[in-house]
Amino acid sequence: MMLMIIAVLVVMGLCLGSFVNALVWRVHEQQEQAGKKKPDKKYQAKLSVAKGRSMCPHCKHELVAKDLLPVLSWLSLGGKCRYCAKPISPQYPLVELSTAVLFVASYLWWPVSFDTAQTAVFVLWLALLTGLLALLVYDARWFLLPNRLIYPLGVIAVAQAVISISTASRPSLALFNTVLAVLVGGGIFYLLFQFSGGKWIGGGDVKLGWLLGLIVATPARGLLLIFLASIGGTLVSLPLMARGRLKRTSLIPFGPFLIIAAIIVQLFGADILHWYTRTFITF
């Protein structure tokens, strides 16, 4: 049974990873078109997430079924478009594989035993994970966290929170903790944004903080999320600064570090906090 579930999650992850790549590119292209004085209406119609056909990001040739096999199509074509022979970024297979790995990892290390409610929460988590990966890729490439991606994820996160709170042994406490987590997750970034006038952190990071606070659902996990994201950002930034590839005034996207930290906290946050309190807090 477990092997069957894992196999299904691998296929789902690969397919939704392919969707993430298409979604990120389409949303960016739509925003580029919207910013033009005379947008190409026909091209905009082709960029529809719901109705548009997959196409090469270079020559815009519509892709057929054999071009759309996750990872395999990219490998078989040597990382190039079948029609224009221009290179297709390794981002595409990497995102597809990463989504599949994270789907399986979420199942194997889900911190709560599966029952009806937790199964529903897990399914919503997979949807959130797909959207968060889209945000991660978008922010890493274009230093932006679009509302068009954040707001739908907020709706899913609210649905997940409602199920978790209503099925908790103490719903009122679960609700209180969730509210505090949202205040911690977004409130700290909001204060930094206001204090610096947007120089230290972007408005998109503030919204992402609210969203991730809602997902992690306790203030302690919210603080852990911010701590891990800050550590991750530091570990990446310092070597780049030492090599001269990054200046002290350079901007780096913080969204990817927040999202990676949120995934870690969602799966291992309880264990990390238990280890911390057992090791460093003694009475």
Protein backbone atom coordinates (compact mmCIF):
# COMPACT_ATOMS: atom_id res chain seq x y z
CA MET A 1 0.00 0.00 0.00
CA MET A 2 2.78 2.42 0.95
CA LEU A 3 4.68 1.73 -2.30
CA MET A 4 1.52 2.41 -4.30
CA ILE A 5 0.96 5.72 -2.50
CA ILE A 6 4.59 6.71 -3.08
CA ALA A 7 4.32 5.83 -6.77
CA VAL A 8 1.17 7.96 -7.09
CA LEU A 9 2.87 10.85 -5.29
CA VAL A 10 5.91 10.63 -7.59
CA VAL A 11 3.71 10.84 -10.69
CA MET A 12 1.64 13.64 -9.16
CA GLY A 13 4.78 15.51 -8.14
CA LEU A 14 6.33 15.26 -11.60
CA CYS A 15 3.13 16.44 -13.28
CA LEU A 16 2.53 19.28 -10.83
CA GLY A 17 6.19 20.25 -11.05
CA SER A 18 5.68 20.64 -14.79
CA PHE A 19 2.60 22.72 -13.99
CA VAL A 20 4.70 24.92 -11.67
CA ASN A 21 7.13 25.66 -14.50
CA ALA A 22 4.33 26.54 -16.88
CA LEU A 23 2.48 28.60 -14.27
CA VAL A 24 5.53 30.66 -13.34
CA TRP A 25 6.37 31.44 -16.96
CA ARG A 26 2.77 32.26 -17.92
CA VAL A 27 2.19 34.58 -14.96
CA HIS A 28 5.41 36.43 -15.73
CA GLU A 29 4.57 36.74 -19.43
CA GLN A 30 1.06 37.94 -18.56
CA GLN A 31 2.48 40.64 -16.33
CA GLU A 32 4.96 41.65 -19.02
CA GLN A 33 2.13 41.99 -21.53
CA ALA A 34 -0.05 43.90 -19.07
CA GLY A 35 2.76 46.44 -18.64
CA LYS A 36 2.91 47.23 -22.34
CA LYS A 37 1.02 50.14 -23.91
CA LYS A 38 -0.20 47.88 -26.72
CA PRO A 39 -0.32 44.30 -25.44
CA ASP A 40 -0.66 41.46 -27.93
CA LYS A 41 -4.24 40.27 -27.34
CA LYS A 42 -3.79 37.00 -29.25
CA TYR A 43 -0.63 36.19 -27.33
CA GLN A 44 -2.35 37.06 -24.04
CA ALA A 45 -5.11 34.57 -24.86
CA LYS A 46 -2.51 31.86 -25.41
CA LEU A 47 -1.05 32.62 -21.99
CA SER A 48 -4.24 31.65 -20.16
CA VAL A 49 -3.40 29.23 -17.35
CA ALA A 50 -6.73 27.44 -17.77
CA LYS A 51 -7.06 27.38 -21.57
CA GLY A 52 -3.62 28.05 -23.04
CA ARG A 53 -1.55 25.29 -24.66
CA SER A 54 2.00 24.60 -23.51
CA MET A 55 4.61 26.29 -25.70
CA CYS A 56 8.34 26.80 -26.02
CA PRO A 57 9.40 29.89 -24.05
CA HIS A 58 11.67 30.91 -26.94
CA CYS A 59 9.95 30.26 -30.28
CA LYS A 60 6.41 30.00 -28.77
CA HIS A 61 5.73 26.82 -30.78
CA GLU A 62 2.91 24.80 -29.20
CA LEU A 63 4.15 21.57 -27.67
CA VAL A 64 2.68 18.14 -28.30
CA ALA A 65 2.33 15.21 -25.90
CA LYS A 66 5.82 13.82 -26.52
CA ASP A 67 7.30 17.19 -25.55
CA LEU A 68 5.48 17.28 -22.21
CA LEU A 69 6.76 14.19 -20.40
CA PRO A 70 8.28 15.51 -17.16
CA VAL A 71 12.09 15.17 -17.06
CA LEU A 72 12.12 12.55 -19.85
CA SER A 73 11.31 14.99 -22.65
CA TRP A 74 14.02 17.38 -21.50
CA LEU A 75 16.58 14.55 -21.30
CA SER A 76 15.64 13.02 -24.65
CA LEU A 77 16.03 16.38 -26.40
CA GLY A 78 19.32 17.19 -24.73
CA GLY A 79 17.82 20.15 -22.90
CA LYS A 80 16.81 21.89 -26.13
CA CYS A 81 13.56 22.80 -27.86
CA ARG A 82 12.54 20.30 -30.53
CA TYR A 83 11.47 23.11 -32.87
CA CYS A 84 13.99 25.96 -32.48
CA ALA A 85 16.89 24.03 -30.87
CA LYS A 86 17.41 26.75 -28.28
CA PRO A 87 18.42 25.54 -24.81
CA ILE A 88 15.68 24.97 -22.24
CA SER A 89 16.74 25.85 -18.70
CA PRO A 90 17.63 22.97 -16.32
CA GLN A 91 15.11 24.66 -14.04
CA TYR A 92 12.38 22.61 -15.72
CA PRO A 93 13.53 19.08 -14.79
CA LEU A 94 14.89 20.29 -11.44
CA VAL A 95 11.54 21.73 -10.40
CA GLU A 96 9.73 18.59 -11.59
CA LEU A 97 12.06 16.29 -9.65
CA SER A 98 12.02 18.53 -6.58
CA THR A 99 8.23 18.55 -6.47
CA ALA A 100 8.11 14.76 -6.67
CA VAL A 101 10.74 14.40 -3.93
CA LEU A 102 8.93 16.86 -1.65
CA PHE A 103 5.60 15.11 -2.18
CA VAL A 104 7.10 11.79 -1.14
CA ALA A 105 9.06 13.34 1.74
CA SER A 106 5.89 15.02 3.01
CA TYR A 107 4.13 11.66 3.09
CA LEU A 108 7.01 9.78 4.73
CA TRP A 109 7.71 12.42 7.38
CA TRP A 110 4.22 13.80 7.94
CA PRO A 111 4.33 14.66 11.67
CA VAL A 112 0.80 13.49 12.57
CA SER A 113 -0.86 10.11 12.12
CA PHE A 114 -3.21 9.99 9.17
CA ASP A 115 -6.94 9.96 9.87
CA THR A 116 -9.75 11.48 7.82
CA ALA A 117 -9.01 15.04 8.92
CA GLN A 118 -5.25 14.71 8.55
CA THR A 119 -5.64 13.18 5.11
CA ALA A 120 -7.60 16.26 4.06
CA VAL A 121 -4.96 18.51 5.64
CA PHE A 122 -2.23 16.58 3.81
CA VAL A 123 -3.97 16.94 0.44
CA LEU A 124 -4.29 20.68 1.03
CA TRP A 125 -0.62 20.75 2.02
CA LEU A 126 0.32 19.24 -1.34
CA ALA A 127 -1.65 22.00 -3.06
CA LEU A 128 0.08 24.60 -0.88
CA LEU A 129 3.46 23.01 -1.58
CA THR A 130 2.85 23.26 -5.33
CA GLY A 131 1.99 26.95 -5.05
CA LEU A 132 4.88 27.67 -2.70
CA LEU A 133 7.31 26.14 -5.17
CA ALA A 134 5.88 28.39 -7.86
CA LEU A 135 6.49 31.40 -5.59
CA LEU A 136 10.02 30.18 -4.84
CA VAL A 137 10.91 29.90 -8.53
CA TYR A 138 9.27 33.22 -9.40
CA ASP A 139 11.02 35.12 -6.61
CA ALA A 140 14.38 33.49 -7.35
CA ARG A 141 14.16 34.53 -11.02
CA TRP A 142 12.46 37.92 -10.88
CA PHE A 143 12.66 39.11 -7.25
CA LEU A 144 8.90 39.31 -6.98
CA LEU A 145 6.12 37.46 -5.14
CA PRO A 146 2.99 38.06 -7.25
CA ASN A 147 -0.38 38.53 -5.56
CA ARG A 148 -1.85 36.29 -8.25
CA LEU A 149 -0.02 33.40 -6.62
CA ILE A 150 -0.15 34.45 -2.97
CA TYR A 151 -3.89 35.14 -2.69
CA PRO A 152 -5.13 31.73 -3.95
CA LEU A 153 -2.66 30.07 -1.59
CA GLY A 154 -4.15 32.12 1.22
CA VAL A 155 -7.57 30.62 0.50
CA ILE A 156 -6.13 27.09 0.61
CA ALA A 157 -4.24 27.88 3.82
CA VAL A 158 -7.45 29.14 5.46
CA ALA A 159 -9.23 25.91 4.49
CA GLN A 160 -6.38 23.88 5.97
CA ALA A 161 -6.46 25.96 9.16
CA VAL A 162 -10.23 25.53 9.53
CA ILE A 163 -9.92 21.74 9.35
CA SER A 164 -6.99 21.66 11.77
CA ILE A 165 -8.64 23.97 14.29
CA SER A 166 -12.08 22.33 14.16
CA THR A 167 -10.63 18.84 14.70
CA ALA A 168 -8.10 19.82 17.39
CA SER A 169 -8.58 18.51 20.94
CA ARG A 170 -8.77 22.14 22.12
CA PRO A 171 -10.11 24.22 19.21
CA SER A 172 -9.99 27.53 21.08
CA LEU A 173 -6.29 27.05 21.89
CA ALA A 174 -5.56 25.98 18.31
CA LEU A 175 -7.31 29.12 17.03
CA PHE A 176 -5.39 31.33 19.47
CA ASN A 177 -2.06 29.77 18.44
CA THR A 178 -2.88 30.18 14.75
CA VAL A 179 -3.68 33.87 15.20
CA LEU A 180 -0.41 34.37 17.09
CA ALA A 181 1.50 32.48 14.39
CA VAL A 182 0.08 34.77 11.71
CA LEU A 183 1.03 37.83 13.78
CA VAL A 184 4.55 36.47 14.25
CA GLY A 185 4.99 35.36 10.64
CA GLY A 186 3.81 38.57 9.02
CA GLY A 187 3.99 41.06 11.87
CA ILE A 188 7.78 41.05 12.19
CA PHE A 189 8.22 41.58 8.46
CA TYR A 190 5.54 44.26 8.45
CA LEU A 191 7.40 46.21 11.14
CA LEU A 192 10.68 45.83 9.24
CA PHE A 193 9.00 46.96 6.04
CA GLN A 194 7.46 50.02 7.70
CA PHE A 195 10.60 50.95 9.63
CA SER A 196 12.89 50.72 6.59
CA GLY A 197 10.44 52.14 4.07
CA GLY A 198 10.66 48.93 2.09
CA LYS A 199 14.47 48.95 1.86
CA TRP A 200 15.13 45.94 4.09
CA ILE A 201 12.30 43.73 2.99
CA GLY A 202 9.67 43.80 0.27
CA GLY A 203 5.91 43.99 0.55
CA GLY A 204 5.63 40.55 -1.02
CA ASP A 205 7.71 39.08 1.81
CA VAL A 206 5.28 40.60 4.31
CA LYS A 207 2.33 38.90 2.60
CA LEU A 208 4.26 35.65 2.36
CA GLY A 209 4.99 35.94 6.09
CA TRP A 210 1.26 36.17 6.87
CA LEU A 211 0.62 33.15 4.65
CA LEU A 212 3.38 31.00 6.12
CA GLY A 213 2.38 31.95 9.66
CA LEU A 214 -1.10 30.65 8.90
CA ILE A 215 0.38 27.40 7.60
CA VAL A 216 2.78 26.65 10.48
CA ALA A 217 -0.02 27.45 12.96
CA THR A 218 1.88 28.14 16.22
CA PRO A 219 3.95 31.15 17.31
CA ALA A 220 6.94 28.96 18.26
CA ARG A 221 6.96 27.40 14.79
CA GLY A 222 6.60 30.88 13.29
CA LEU A 223 9.69 32.07 15.13
CA LEU A 224 11.55 28.92 14.10
CA LEU A 225 10.59 29.58 10.48
CA ILE A 226 12.04 33.10 10.59
CA PHE A 227 15.18 31.86 12.35
CA LEU A 228 15.83 29.10 9.81
CA ALA A 229 15.16 31.44 6.88
CA SER A 230 17.58 34.01 8.30
CA ILE A 231 20.26 31.37 8.86
CA GLY A 232 19.76 30.09 5.30
CA GLY A 233 19.99 33.58 3.83
CA THR A 234 23.16 34.27 5.81
CA LEU A 235 24.83 30.99 4.82
CA VAL A 236 24.18 31.75 1.15
CA SER A 237 25.02 35.47 1.24
CA LEU A 238 28.31 35.41 3.16
CA PRO A 239 30.22 33.11 0.75
CA LEU A 240 28.95 35.13 -2.22
CA MET A 241 30.11 38.35 -0.56
CA ALA A 242 33.49 36.80 0.22
CA ARG A 243 33.92 35.91 -3.46
CA GLY A 244 32.88 39.37 -4.59
CA ARG A 245 29.79 38.06 -6.36
CA LEU A 246 27.51 39.93 -3.96
CA LYS A 247 27.85 43.40 -2.47
CA ARG A 248 26.54 44.60 0.88
CA THR A 249 24.05 46.76 -1.00
CA SER A 250 22.93 43.93 -3.31
CA LEU A 251 19.38 42.66 -3.12
CA ILE A 252 18.68 38.96 -2.73
CA PRO A 253 15.23 37.36 -2.80
CA PHE A 254 14.23 36.29 0.71
CA GLY A 255 11.09 34.44 -0.36
CA PRO A 256 12.91 31.20 -1.31
CA PHE A 257 14.56 31.01 2.12
CA LEU A 258 11.20 31.56 3.85
CA ILE A 259 9.55 28.86 1.75
CA ILE A 260 12.32 26.32 2.32
CA ALA A 261 12.19 27.08 6.04
CA ALA A 262 8.40 26.66 6.05
CA ILE A 263 8.70 23.21 4.48
CA ILE A 264 11.27 22.19 7.11
CA VAL A 265 9.10 23.53 9.93
CA GLN A 266 5.96 21.87 8.58
CA LEU A 267 7.62 18.44 8.53
CA PHE A 268 10.17 18.64 11.34
CA GLY A 269 9.25 21.70 13.41
CA ALA A 270 7.81 19.79 16.35
CA ASP A 271 10.91 17.58 16.59
CA ILE A 272 13.27 20.57 16.31
CA LEU A 273 11.43 22.49 19.04
CA HIS A 274 11.29 19.40 21.28
CA TRP A 275 15.05 18.91 20.85
CA TYR A 276 15.70 22.57 21.59
CA THR A 277 13.64 22.72 24.78
CA ARG A 278 15.05 19.40 26.01
CA THR A 279 18.63 20.49 25.33
CA PHE A 280 18.71 24.17 26.26
CA ILE A 281 15.74 24.83 28.54
CA THR A 282 16.09 23.09 31.87
CA PHE A 283 14.41 23.83 35.17
